[in-house]
Amino acid sequence: MPIFSNNNARRTSFYQELQRRERQWWQARHRLITLQERQLFWFGENSVIMWLLWQFVSYIVVAIVLMLVSKLFDVHLYLWQYMAVFGVQTLIFITIFSAKGRLANKMQHNIHKADLLREQMLNEMVILASDSIFPDIHAHSPISLQHIHERYDAQLRLASLQCLLQKEIDAGRLLLSQREIEARILPPELADDELTPHAGDMIYKSLLQLQ
């Protein structure tokens, strides 16, 4: 049986587009988290220590490479040549480190762009859901998150559905009868695992039926 049995042609078209937007939302969310992790690593409170640590590691790597090259190709390198290589390496590090502020600003700009894209994808998902799954959910309320997930052949992730349904709750059109699971603050991959054991107990009730 089709996912939508009533007016299924138009609603299924919206649903297929919703699935595509969901994939884009997950990609944008993943990129945002990756950028935030990089920002914390390179520009966080302990970033100076990490920069110095990585520079120290790079000295060791370059020294090993030079020794291997010298051994494999039977090339004798003098001490001043080693010092010259390490000097150039240090100069490059100082140049990059001095530009740390500009690099941090660029990273923050990329994070802002990724966050805007994530929010844009989510808003487009909400618009598409309003023309596809939301009317269906309201019509079959009360309904659990697990039932909703199964109703659409598990083609939308639990975390995506929960995020979309939260928009309906915030708009005063749905009510969650069980305590809210704080999955929204987790990365989607972790949110799915967090929601799975509770999905059957998360019952959504339509407030439109009371109006």
N, C-alpha and C. Protein backbone atom coordinates (compact mmCIF):
# COMPACT_ATOMS: atom_id res chain seq x y z
N MET A 1 0.85 -1.19 0.00
CA MET A 1 0.00 0.00 0.00
C MET A 1 0.89 1.24 0.00
N PRO A 2 0.55 2.28 -0.78
CA PRO A 2 1.37 3.50 -0.79
C PRO A 2 1.44 4.13 0.59
N ILE A 3 2.50 4.89 0.82
CA ILE A 3 2.65 5.57 2.10
C ILE A 3 1.47 6.49 2.35
N PHE A 4 1.03 7.19 1.29
CA PHE A 4 -0.13 8.07 1.40
C PHE A 4 -1.25 7.51 0.53
N SER A 5 -2.33 7.14 1.15
CA SER A 5 -3.44 6.54 0.41
C SER A 5 -4.42 7.59 -0.10
N ASN A 6 -4.42 8.79 0.49
CA ASN A 6 -5.32 9.85 0.07
C ASN A 6 -4.52 10.95 -0.60
N ASN A 7 -4.95 11.34 -1.82
CA ASN A 7 -4.25 12.40 -2.55
C ASN A 7 -2.75 12.07 -2.62
N ASN A 8 -2.45 10.79 -2.89
CA ASN A 8 -1.08 10.30 -2.71
C ASN A 8 -0.10 10.85 -3.73
N ALA A 9 -0.53 11.23 -4.92
CA ALA A 9 0.42 11.68 -5.95
C ALA A 9 1.16 12.94 -5.50
N ARG A 10 0.41 13.95 -5.09
CA ARG A 10 1.02 15.22 -4.69
C ARG A 10 1.81 15.06 -3.39
N ARG A 11 1.24 14.38 -2.41
CA ARG A 11 1.89 14.24 -1.11
C ARG A 11 3.13 13.36 -1.20
N THR A 12 3.09 12.32 -2.02
CA THR A 12 4.27 11.47 -2.19
C THR A 12 5.39 12.24 -2.86
N SER A 13 5.04 13.13 -3.78
CA SER A 13 6.06 13.97 -4.43
C SER A 13 6.75 14.86 -3.41
N PHE A 14 5.96 15.47 -2.53
CA PHE A 14 6.53 16.29 -1.46
C PHE A 14 7.39 15.44 -0.52
N TYR A 15 6.93 14.22 -0.26
CA TYR A 15 7.65 13.33 0.66
C TYR A 15 9.01 12.93 0.08
N GLN A 16 9.04 12.65 -1.21
CA GLN A 16 10.31 12.32 -1.86
C GLN A 16 11.28 13.48 -1.81
N GLU A 17 10.76 14.68 -1.99
CA GLU A 17 11.62 15.86 -1.89
C GLU A 17 12.08 16.06 -0.44
N LEU A 18 11.21 15.73 0.50
CA LEU A 18 11.57 15.81 1.92
C LEU A 18 12.73 14.87 2.22
N GLN A 19 12.70 13.68 1.66
CA GLN A 19 13.79 12.73 1.87
C GLN A 19 15.12 13.28 1.34
N ARG A 20 15.05 13.94 0.19
CA ARG A 20 16.27 14.52 -0.39
C ARG A 20 16.80 15.64 0.50
N ARG A 21 15.91 16.48 0.99
CA ARG A 21 16.31 17.56 1.89
C ARG A 21 16.88 17.01 3.20
N GLU A 22 16.31 15.89 3.65
CA GLU A 22 16.82 15.29 4.88
C GLU A 22 18.28 14.88 4.70
N ARG A 23 18.62 14.27 3.58
CA ARG A 23 20.01 13.89 3.33
C ARG A 23 20.92 15.11 3.32
N GLN A 24 20.45 16.19 2.71
CA GLN A 24 21.23 17.42 2.68
C GLN A 24 21.38 18.01 4.08
N TRP A 25 20.31 17.88 4.89
CA TRP A 25 20.37 18.39 6.26
C TRP A 25 21.39 17.63 7.08
N TRP A 26 21.40 16.30 6.92
CA TRP A 26 22.37 15.48 7.65
C TRP A 26 23.80 15.83 7.23
N GLN A 27 24.00 16.05 5.94
CA GLN A 27 25.33 16.42 5.45
C GLN A 27 25.76 17.76 6.00
N ALA A 28 24.83 18.73 5.99
CA ALA A 28 25.14 20.06 6.53
C ALA A 28 25.40 19.98 8.03
N ARG A 29 24.62 19.17 8.73
CA ARG A 29 24.81 19.01 10.18
C ARG A 29 26.17 18.36 10.48
N HIS A 30 26.52 17.37 9.68
CA HIS A 30 27.81 16.69 9.87
C HIS A 30 28.97 17.65 9.61
N ARG A 31 28.85 18.47 8.56
CA ARG A 31 29.91 19.43 8.25
C ARG A 31 30.05 20.45 9.38
N LEU A 32 28.91 20.91 9.91
CA LEU A 32 28.94 21.88 10.99
C LEU A 32 29.66 21.31 12.21
N ILE A 33 29.34 20.09 12.58
CA ILE A 33 29.97 19.46 13.74
C ILE A 33 31.47 19.28 13.50
N THR A 34 31.84 18.88 12.28
CA THR A 34 33.25 18.70 11.95
C THR A 34 34.02 20.01 12.08
N LEU A 35 33.43 21.10 11.56
CA LEU A 35 34.08 22.41 11.66
C LEU A 35 34.20 22.88 13.10
N GLN A 36 33.16 22.63 13.89
CA GLN A 36 33.21 23.03 15.29
C GLN A 36 34.28 22.25 16.05
N GLU A 37 34.44 20.97 15.72
CA GLU A 37 35.49 20.18 16.36
C GLU A 37 36.87 20.69 15.97
N ARG A 38 37.04 21.04 14.70
CA ARG A 38 38.32 21.59 14.25
C ARG A 38 38.62 22.93 14.93
N GLN A 39 37.57 23.74 15.06
CA GLN A 39 37.76 25.03 15.71
C GLN A 39 38.21 24.84 17.16
N LEU A 40 37.57 23.91 17.86
CA LEU A 40 37.94 23.64 19.25
C LEU A 40 39.37 23.13 19.35
N PHE A 41 39.77 22.29 18.39
CA PHE A 41 41.10 21.68 18.42
C PHE A 41 42.19 22.72 18.13
N TRP A 42 41.99 23.53 17.07
CA TRP A 42 43.04 24.45 16.63
C TRP A 42 42.95 25.83 17.27
N PHE A 43 41.77 26.23 17.74
CA PHE A 43 41.62 27.59 18.24
C PHE A 43 40.93 27.66 19.60
N GLY A 44 40.89 26.53 20.31
CA GLY A 44 40.28 26.51 21.63
C GLY A 44 41.23 27.00 22.71
N GLU A 45 40.86 26.76 23.96
CA GLU A 45 41.64 27.25 25.09
C GLU A 45 43.05 26.67 25.13
N ASN A 46 43.19 25.41 24.73
CA ASN A 46 44.50 24.75 24.75
C ASN A 46 45.15 24.69 23.37
N SER A 47 44.72 25.58 22.48
CA SER A 47 45.18 25.50 21.10
C SER A 47 46.67 25.76 20.96
N VAL A 48 47.24 26.67 21.78
CA VAL A 48 48.67 26.98 21.68
C VAL A 48 49.49 25.72 21.95
N ILE A 49 49.11 24.97 22.96
CA ILE A 49 49.81 23.73 23.29
C ILE A 49 49.71 22.74 22.12
N MET A 50 48.51 22.66 21.51
CA MET A 50 48.32 21.73 20.40
C MET A 50 49.16 22.14 19.20
N TRP A 51 49.24 23.45 18.93
CA TRP A 51 50.06 23.93 17.81
C TRP A 51 51.52 23.55 18.04
N LEU A 52 52.02 23.79 19.24
CA LEU A 52 53.42 23.48 19.56
C LEU A 52 53.67 21.98 19.51
N LEU A 53 52.69 21.20 19.98
CA LEU A 53 52.83 19.75 19.96
C LEU A 53 52.92 19.23 18.53
N TRP A 54 52.05 19.72 17.68
CA TRP A 54 52.07 19.28 16.30
C TRP A 54 53.36 19.72 15.59
N GLN A 55 53.85 20.90 15.94
CA GLN A 55 55.12 21.33 15.36
C GLN A 55 56.26 20.42 15.80
N PHE A 56 56.25 20.05 17.07
CA PHE A 56 57.27 19.12 17.57
C PHE A 56 57.18 17.78 16.84
N VAL A 57 55.97 17.28 16.65
CA VAL A 57 55.77 16.02 15.92
C VAL A 57 56.28 16.16 14.50
N SER A 58 56.02 17.32 13.89
CA SER A 58 56.49 17.52 12.50
C SER A 58 58.00 17.52 12.42
N TYR A 59 58.69 18.04 13.44
CA TYR A 59 60.16 17.99 13.47
C TYR A 59 60.62 16.52 13.42
N ILE A 60 59.99 15.70 14.23
CA ILE A 60 60.36 14.28 14.31
C ILE A 60 60.11 13.58 12.98
N VAL A 61 58.97 13.86 12.37
CA VAL A 61 58.62 13.24 11.09
C VAL A 61 59.62 13.63 10.01
N VAL A 62 59.93 14.93 9.94
CA VAL A 62 60.88 15.40 8.93
C VAL A 62 62.26 14.80 9.15
N ALA A 63 62.67 14.70 10.41
CA ALA A 63 63.98 14.11 10.71
C ALA A 63 64.02 12.65 10.26
N ILE A 64 62.95 11.91 10.51
CA ILE A 64 62.90 10.50 10.10
C ILE A 64 62.96 10.39 8.58
N VAL A 65 62.20 11.25 7.90
CA VAL A 65 62.18 11.23 6.43
C VAL A 65 63.57 11.53 5.87
N LEU A 66 64.23 12.53 6.43
CA LEU A 66 65.57 12.88 5.95
C LEU A 66 66.55 11.73 6.16
N MET A 67 66.46 11.06 7.29
CA MET A 67 67.36 9.94 7.55
C MET A 67 67.08 8.77 6.60
N LEU A 68 65.79 8.51 6.32
CA LEU A 68 65.44 7.44 5.38
C LEU A 68 65.93 7.75 3.98
N VAL A 69 65.75 9.01 3.56
CA VAL A 69 66.22 9.43 2.24
C VAL A 69 67.73 9.27 2.14
N SER A 70 68.42 9.69 3.20
CA SER A 70 69.88 9.58 3.23
C SER A 70 70.33 8.13 3.14
N LYS A 71 69.61 7.24 3.80
CA LYS A 71 70.00 5.83 3.82
C LYS A 71 69.64 5.14 2.51
N LEU A 72 68.44 5.39 1.99
CA LEU A 72 67.97 4.71 0.79
C LEU A 72 68.75 5.12 -0.45
N PHE A 73 69.07 6.41 -0.55
CA PHE A 73 69.74 6.92 -1.74
C PHE A 73 71.24 7.14 -1.52
N ASP A 74 71.70 6.71 -0.36
CA ASP A 74 73.12 6.82 -0.02
C ASP A 74 73.63 8.26 -0.20
N VAL A 75 72.83 9.19 0.33
CA VAL A 75 73.16 10.62 0.26
C VAL A 75 73.61 11.07 1.64
N HIS A 76 74.75 11.70 1.68
CA HIS A 76 75.26 12.18 2.97
C HIS A 76 74.81 13.63 3.18
N LEU A 77 74.04 13.84 4.22
CA LEU A 77 73.57 15.19 4.53
C LEU A 77 74.39 15.75 5.69
N TYR A 78 74.82 16.98 5.51
CA TYR A 78 75.61 17.64 6.56
C TYR A 78 74.67 18.24 7.61
N LEU A 79 75.26 18.55 8.74
CA LEU A 79 74.48 19.11 9.85
C LEU A 79 73.82 20.42 9.45
N TRP A 80 74.53 21.25 8.70
CA TRP A 80 73.94 22.54 8.32
C TRP A 80 72.74 22.37 7.39
N GLN A 81 72.72 21.25 6.64
CA GLN A 81 71.57 20.98 5.77
C GLN A 81 70.34 20.60 6.60
N TYR A 82 70.59 19.79 7.64
CA TYR A 82 69.49 19.48 8.56
C TYR A 82 68.97 20.76 9.21
N MET A 83 69.88 21.59 9.66
CA MET A 83 69.50 22.83 10.33
C MET A 83 68.74 23.75 9.38
N ALA A 84 69.16 23.76 8.10
CA ALA A 84 68.48 24.60 7.12
C ALA A 84 67.03 24.14 6.92
N VAL A 85 66.85 22.81 6.84
CA VAL A 85 65.50 22.26 6.66
C VAL A 85 64.63 22.60 7.86
N PHE A 86 65.18 22.38 9.07
CA PHE A 86 64.41 22.69 10.28
C PHE A 86 64.17 24.19 10.40
N GLY A 87 65.11 25.00 9.92
CA GLY A 87 64.93 26.46 9.96
C GLY A 87 63.79 26.90 9.08
N VAL A 88 63.74 26.34 7.85
CA VAL A 88 62.64 26.66 6.93
C VAL A 88 61.31 26.19 7.52
N GLN A 89 61.35 25.00 8.11
CA GLN A 89 60.14 24.45 8.74
C GLN A 89 59.65 25.36 9.86
N THR A 90 60.59 25.85 10.68
CA THR A 90 60.24 26.76 11.78
C THR A 90 59.69 28.07 11.25
N LEU A 91 60.29 28.57 10.17
CA LEU A 91 59.82 29.83 9.58
C LEU A 91 58.38 29.69 9.08
N ILE A 92 58.12 28.55 8.44
CA ILE A 92 56.75 28.30 7.96
C ILE A 92 55.78 28.25 9.14
N PHE A 93 56.19 27.58 10.22
CA PHE A 93 55.33 27.49 11.40
C PHE A 93 55.05 28.87 11.99
N ILE A 94 56.09 29.70 12.11
CA ILE A 94 55.92 31.04 12.68
C ILE A 94 54.99 31.87 11.81
N THR A 95 55.13 31.73 10.49
CA THR A 95 54.27 32.47 9.56
C THR A 95 52.81 32.08 9.74
N ILE A 96 52.58 30.76 9.80
CA ILE A 96 51.20 30.28 9.95
C ILE A 96 50.65 30.64 11.33
N PHE A 97 51.49 30.50 12.35
CA PHE A 97 51.04 30.79 13.71
C PHE A 97 50.70 32.28 13.89
N SER A 98 51.48 33.13 13.20
CA SER A 98 51.21 34.57 13.29
C SER A 98 49.89 34.93 12.62
N ALA A 99 49.46 34.08 11.70
CA ALA A 99 48.18 34.31 11.02
C ALA A 99 47.03 33.57 11.71
N LYS A 100 47.27 33.11 12.92
CA LYS A 100 46.27 32.33 13.65
C LYS A 100 44.94 33.07 13.79
N GLY A 101 45.02 34.37 14.06
CA GLY A 101 43.80 35.15 14.22
C GLY A 101 42.96 35.17 12.96
N ARG A 102 43.63 35.37 11.82
CA ARG A 102 42.90 35.38 10.54
C ARG A 102 42.33 34.01 10.22
N LEU A 103 43.12 32.97 10.52
CA LEU A 103 42.62 31.61 10.29
C LEU A 103 41.41 31.31 11.17
N ALA A 104 41.44 31.80 12.41
CA ALA A 104 40.31 31.59 13.32
C ALA A 104 39.06 32.30 12.80
N ASN A 105 39.24 33.51 12.27
CA ASN A 105 38.11 34.25 11.71
C ASN A 105 37.53 33.53 10.50
N LYS A 106 38.41 32.98 9.67
CA LYS A 106 37.95 32.24 8.49
C LYS A 106 37.20 30.99 8.91
N MET A 107 37.71 30.31 9.93
CA MET A 107 37.03 29.12 10.44
C MET A 107 35.65 29.47 10.98
N GLN A 108 35.55 30.58 11.72
CA GLN A 108 34.27 31.02 12.27
C GLN A 108 33.30 31.37 11.15
N HIS A 109 33.82 31.98 10.09
CA HIS A 109 32.98 32.30 8.93
C HIS A 109 32.42 31.03 8.29
N ASN A 110 33.27 30.02 8.15
CA ASN A 110 32.83 28.75 7.57
C ASN A 110 31.78 28.07 8.46
N ILE A 111 31.97 28.19 9.78
CA ILE A 111 30.99 27.62 10.71
C ILE A 111 29.65 28.33 10.58
N HIS A 112 29.71 29.65 10.45
CA HIS A 112 28.48 30.44 10.30
C HIS A 112 27.74 30.04 9.01
N LYS A 113 28.48 29.85 7.92
CA LYS A 113 27.87 29.44 6.66
C LYS A 113 27.26 28.05 6.78
N ALA A 114 27.98 27.14 7.42
CA ALA A 114 27.47 25.78 7.59
C ALA A 114 26.21 25.77 8.47
N ASP A 115 26.18 26.62 9.49
CA ASP A 115 25.02 26.70 10.37
C ASP A 115 23.81 27.27 9.63
N LEU A 116 24.04 28.27 8.78
CA LEU A 116 22.95 28.83 7.98
C LEU A 116 22.40 27.80 7.01
N LEU A 117 23.30 27.02 6.39
CA LEU A 117 22.85 25.98 5.46
C LEU A 117 22.05 24.92 6.19
N ARG A 118 22.51 24.52 7.38
CA ARG A 118 21.78 23.54 8.18
C ARG A 118 20.39 24.03 8.51
N GLU A 119 20.31 25.29 8.94
CA GLU A 119 19.01 25.88 9.30
C GLU A 119 18.12 26.01 8.08
N GLN A 120 18.71 26.36 6.93
CA GLN A 120 17.93 26.47 5.70
C GLN A 120 17.34 25.12 5.31
N MET A 121 18.17 24.06 5.39
CA MET A 121 17.69 22.72 5.04
C MET A 121 16.57 22.30 5.98
N LEU A 122 16.71 22.62 7.27
CA LEU A 122 15.68 22.26 8.24
C LEU A 122 14.38 23.00 7.95
N ASN A 123 14.47 24.29 7.63
CA ASN A 123 13.27 25.07 7.31
C ASN A 123 12.57 24.52 6.06
N GLU A 124 13.37 24.12 5.08
CA GLU A 124 12.77 23.55 3.87
C GLU A 124 12.13 22.20 4.17
N MET A 125 12.74 21.45 5.08
CA MET A 125 12.13 20.19 5.51
C MET A 125 10.78 20.43 6.17
N VAL A 126 10.70 21.46 7.00
CA VAL A 126 9.44 21.77 7.69
C VAL A 126 8.36 22.14 6.68
N ILE A 127 8.73 22.95 5.69
CA ILE A 127 7.76 23.36 4.65
C ILE A 127 7.25 22.14 3.89
N LEU A 128 8.17 21.25 3.50
CA LEU A 128 7.76 20.05 2.77
C LEU A 128 6.94 19.11 3.65
N ALA A 129 7.32 19.01 4.92
CA ALA A 129 6.57 18.15 5.84
C ALA A 129 5.15 18.68 6.05
N SER A 130 4.99 20.00 5.99
CA SER A 130 3.66 20.59 6.16
C SER A 130 2.71 20.17 5.05
N ASP A 131 3.27 19.82 3.89
CA ASP A 131 2.45 19.40 2.75
C ASP A 131 2.43 17.89 2.56
N SER A 132 3.09 17.16 3.44
CA SER A 132 3.14 15.71 3.25
C SER A 132 2.83 14.97 4.56
N ILE A 133 3.80 14.91 5.47
CA ILE A 133 3.61 14.03 6.63
C ILE A 133 2.82 14.68 7.77
N PHE A 134 2.90 15.99 7.93
CA PHE A 134 2.19 16.62 9.05
C PHE A 134 0.68 16.40 9.00
N PRO A 135 0.03 16.62 7.83
CA PRO A 135 -1.42 16.35 7.79
C PRO A 135 -1.75 14.90 8.12
N ASP A 136 -0.90 13.99 7.66
CA ASP A 136 -1.11 12.57 7.93
C ASP A 136 -0.96 12.27 9.41
N ILE A 137 0.03 12.89 10.05
CA ILE A 137 0.26 12.67 11.49
C ILE A 137 -0.89 13.22 12.31
N HIS A 138 -1.35 14.42 11.97
CA HIS A 138 -2.48 15.02 12.70
C HIS A 138 -3.74 14.16 12.53
N ALA A 139 -3.91 13.61 11.33
CA ALA A 139 -5.12 12.82 11.07
C ALA A 139 -5.12 11.51 11.85
N HIS A 140 -3.94 10.99 12.17
CA HIS A 140 -3.84 9.70 12.87
C HIS A 140 -3.39 9.86 14.32
N SER A 141 -3.47 11.06 14.84
CA SER A 141 -3.12 11.33 16.24
C SER A 141 -4.17 10.71 17.16
N PRO A 142 -3.77 10.24 18.37
CA PRO A 142 -2.40 10.19 18.90
C PRO A 142 -1.59 9.06 18.25
N ILE A 143 -0.31 9.32 18.09
CA ILE A 143 0.54 8.38 17.39
C ILE A 143 1.95 8.47 17.96
N SER A 144 2.62 7.35 18.07
CA SER A 144 3.96 7.34 18.66
C SER A 144 5.01 7.64 17.59
N LEU A 145 6.17 8.06 18.05
CA LEU A 145 7.27 8.33 17.13
C LEU A 145 7.66 7.06 16.38
N GLN A 146 7.62 5.91 17.07
CA GLN A 146 7.94 4.65 16.42
C GLN A 146 6.94 4.32 15.33
N HIS A 147 5.67 4.55 15.62
CA HIS A 147 4.62 4.28 14.63
C HIS A 147 4.77 5.20 13.43
N ILE A 148 5.10 6.45 13.67
CA ILE A 148 5.33 7.40 12.57
C ILE A 148 6.49 6.92 11.71
N HIS A 149 7.56 6.50 12.38
CA HIS A 149 8.74 6.00 11.67
C HIS A 149 8.39 4.82 10.78
N GLU A 150 7.61 3.89 11.29
CA GLU A 150 7.22 2.71 10.54
C GLU A 150 6.20 3.05 9.46
N ARG A 151 5.36 4.04 9.73
CA ARG A 151 4.32 4.43 8.78
C ARG A 151 4.92 4.91 7.46
N TYR A 152 6.09 5.54 7.55
CA TYR A 152 6.77 6.02 6.35
C TYR A 152 7.91 5.09 5.95
N ASP A 153 7.71 3.79 6.23
CA ASP A 153 8.64 2.73 5.81
C ASP A 153 10.05 2.96 6.31
N ALA A 154 10.20 3.64 7.43
CA ALA A 154 11.51 3.90 8.05
C ALA A 154 12.47 4.58 7.07
N GLN A 155 11.93 5.38 6.16
CA GLN A 155 12.77 6.07 5.18
C GLN A 155 13.27 7.42 5.69
N LEU A 156 12.67 7.89 6.76
CA LEU A 156 13.17 9.08 7.45
C LEU A 156 13.73 8.64 8.80
N ARG A 157 14.83 9.21 9.19
CA ARG A 157 15.47 8.83 10.45
C ARG A 157 14.65 9.33 11.64
N LEU A 158 14.78 8.62 12.74
CA LEU A 158 14.08 9.02 13.96
C LEU A 158 14.46 10.44 14.38
N ALA A 159 15.75 10.76 14.29
CA ALA A 159 16.21 12.09 14.70
C ALA A 159 15.60 13.17 13.82
N SER A 160 15.44 12.89 12.53
CA SER A 160 14.84 13.87 11.62
C SER A 160 13.37 14.08 11.95
N LEU A 161 12.67 12.96 12.18
CA LEU A 161 11.26 13.06 12.53
C LEU A 161 11.07 13.81 13.84
N GLN A 162 11.88 13.50 14.83
CA GLN A 162 11.75 14.16 16.13
C GLN A 162 12.00 15.66 16.01
N CYS A 163 12.97 16.02 15.19
CA CYS A 163 13.28 17.43 14.99
C CYS A 163 12.13 18.15 14.30
N LEU A 164 11.55 17.51 13.29
CA LEU A 164 10.41 18.11 12.58
C LEU A 164 9.19 18.22 13.49
N LEU A 165 8.92 17.17 14.25
CA LEU A 165 7.77 17.19 15.14
C LEU A 165 7.92 18.21 16.25
N GLN A 166 9.17 18.47 16.65
CA GLN A 166 9.41 19.50 17.65
C GLN A 166 9.00 20.87 17.13
N LYS A 167 9.15 21.08 15.83
CA LYS A 167 8.71 22.34 15.22
C LYS A 167 7.19 22.49 15.35
N GLU A 168 6.47 21.40 15.18
CA GLU A 168 5.02 21.43 15.35
C GLU A 168 4.64 21.66 16.81
N ILE A 169 5.42 21.10 17.72
CA ILE A 169 5.18 21.34 19.15
C ILE A 169 5.41 22.81 19.48
N ASP A 170 6.52 23.36 18.97
CA ASP A 170 6.85 24.76 19.23
C ASP A 170 5.78 25.69 18.65
N ALA A 171 5.14 25.25 17.56
CA ALA A 171 4.10 26.06 16.93
C ALA A 171 2.74 25.86 17.59
N GLY A 172 2.66 24.98 18.59
CA GLY A 172 1.42 24.77 19.32
C GLY A 172 0.41 23.91 18.61
N ARG A 173 0.89 23.07 17.68
CA ARG A 173 -0.03 22.21 16.93
C ARG A 173 0.06 20.74 17.35
N LEU A 174 1.13 20.39 18.06
CA LEU A 174 1.28 19.03 18.57
C LEU A 174 1.64 19.08 20.05
N LEU A 175 1.33 18.01 20.74
CA LEU A 175 1.68 17.88 22.15
C LEU A 175 2.37 16.53 22.35
N LEU A 176 3.51 16.55 23.00
CA LEU A 176 4.23 15.31 23.31
C LEU A 176 3.82 14.90 24.72
N SER A 177 3.19 13.73 24.82
CA SER A 177 2.62 13.33 26.10
C SER A 177 3.63 12.71 27.05
N GLN A 178 4.85 12.48 26.56
CA GLN A 178 5.88 11.92 27.43
C GLN A 178 7.02 12.93 27.49
N ARG A 179 7.84 12.85 28.55
CA ARG A 179 8.92 13.81 28.68
C ARG A 179 9.78 13.81 27.43
N GLU A 180 10.20 15.00 27.06
CA GLU A 180 10.99 15.14 25.84
C GLU A 180 12.39 14.56 26.03
N ILE A 181 12.84 13.81 25.05
CA ILE A 181 14.19 13.28 25.06
C ILE A 181 15.11 14.35 24.47
N GLU A 182 16.15 14.67 25.20
CA GLU A 182 17.05 15.74 24.75
C GLU A 182 17.99 15.23 23.65
N ALA A 183 17.39 14.85 22.54
CA ALA A 183 18.19 14.35 21.43
C ALA A 183 18.56 15.45 20.46
N ARG A 184 17.87 16.58 20.55
CA ARG A 184 18.13 17.65 19.59
C ARG A 184 19.53 18.22 19.72
N ILE A 185 20.10 18.15 20.92
CA ILE A 185 21.41 18.75 21.14
C ILE A 185 22.55 17.80 20.75
N LEU A 186 22.19 16.56 20.37
CA LEU A 186 23.20 15.58 19.98
C LEU A 186 23.38 15.57 18.47
N PRO A 187 24.55 15.12 18.01
CA PRO A 187 24.69 14.88 16.57
C PRO A 187 23.64 13.88 16.11
N PRO A 188 23.12 14.01 14.89
CA PRO A 188 22.04 13.13 14.45
C PRO A 188 22.34 11.65 14.62
N GLU A 189 23.60 11.23 14.36
CA GLU A 189 23.94 9.82 14.49
C GLU A 189 23.72 9.33 15.92
N LEU A 190 24.11 10.15 16.90
CA LEU A 190 23.92 9.78 18.31
C LEU A 190 22.47 9.95 18.72
N ALA A 191 21.80 10.93 18.13
CA ALA A 191 20.39 11.17 18.48
C ALA A 191 19.52 9.98 18.11
N ASP A 192 19.82 9.34 16.98
CA ASP A 192 19.06 8.16 16.59
C ASP A 192 19.16 7.06 17.64
N ASP A 193 20.37 6.83 18.12
CA ASP A 193 20.57 5.81 19.16
C ASP A 193 19.88 6.19 20.46
N GLU A 194 19.87 7.49 20.77
CA GLU A 194 19.23 7.96 21.99
C GLU A 194 17.72 7.81 21.92
N LEU A 195 17.16 8.00 20.73
CA LEU A 195 15.71 7.97 20.57
C LEU A 195 15.15 6.56 20.45
N THR A 196 15.93 5.65 19.91
CA THR A 196 15.42 4.31 19.59
C THR A 196 14.69 3.62 20.75
N PRO A 197 15.26 3.56 21.96
CA PRO A 197 14.54 2.86 23.04
C PRO A 197 13.32 3.61 23.56
N HIS A 198 13.18 4.89 23.21
CA HIS A 198 12.06 5.69 23.74
C HIS A 198 10.99 5.98 22.69
N ALA A 199 11.26 5.63 21.42
CA ALA A 199 10.37 6.03 20.33
C ALA A 199 8.95 5.52 20.51
N GLY A 200 8.80 4.31 21.04
CA GLY A 200 7.46 3.75 21.22
C GLY A 200 6.66 4.45 22.30
N ASP A 201 7.35 5.10 23.25
CA ASP A 201 6.67 5.78 24.36
C ASP A 201 6.45 7.27 24.11
N MET A 202 7.02 7.78 23.03
CA MET A 202 6.86 9.21 22.71
C MET A 202 5.58 9.37 21.87
N ILE A 203 4.49 9.71 22.53
CA ILE A 203 3.17 9.80 21.89
C ILE A 203 2.88 11.27 21.55
N TYR A 204 2.60 11.50 20.28
CA TYR A 204 2.27 12.86 19.82
C TYR A 204 0.75 12.96 19.63
N LYS A 205 0.20 14.02 20.22
CA LYS A 205 -1.24 14.25 20.12
C LYS A 205 -1.49 15.57 19.43
N SER A 206 -2.39 15.55 18.45
CA SER A 206 -2.69 16.75 17.68
C SER A 206 -3.57 17.70 18.48
N LEU A 207 -3.17 18.95 18.53
CA LEU A 207 -3.98 19.98 19.17
C LEU A 207 -4.94 20.61 18.17
N LEU A 208 -4.76 20.32 16.87
CA LEU A 208 -5.66 20.87 15.86
C LEU A 208 -7.04 20.24 15.99
N GLN A 209 -7.10 19.02 16.48
CA GLN A 209 -8.39 18.34 16.63
C GLN A 209 -9.23 18.98 17.72
N LEU A 210 -8.58 19.76 18.61
CA LEU A 210 -9.31 20.39 19.69
C LEU A 210 -9.81 21.78 19.32
N GLN A 211 -9.35 22.26 18.16
CA GLN A 211 -9.71 23.62 17.74
C GLN A 211 -10.98 23.63 16.93
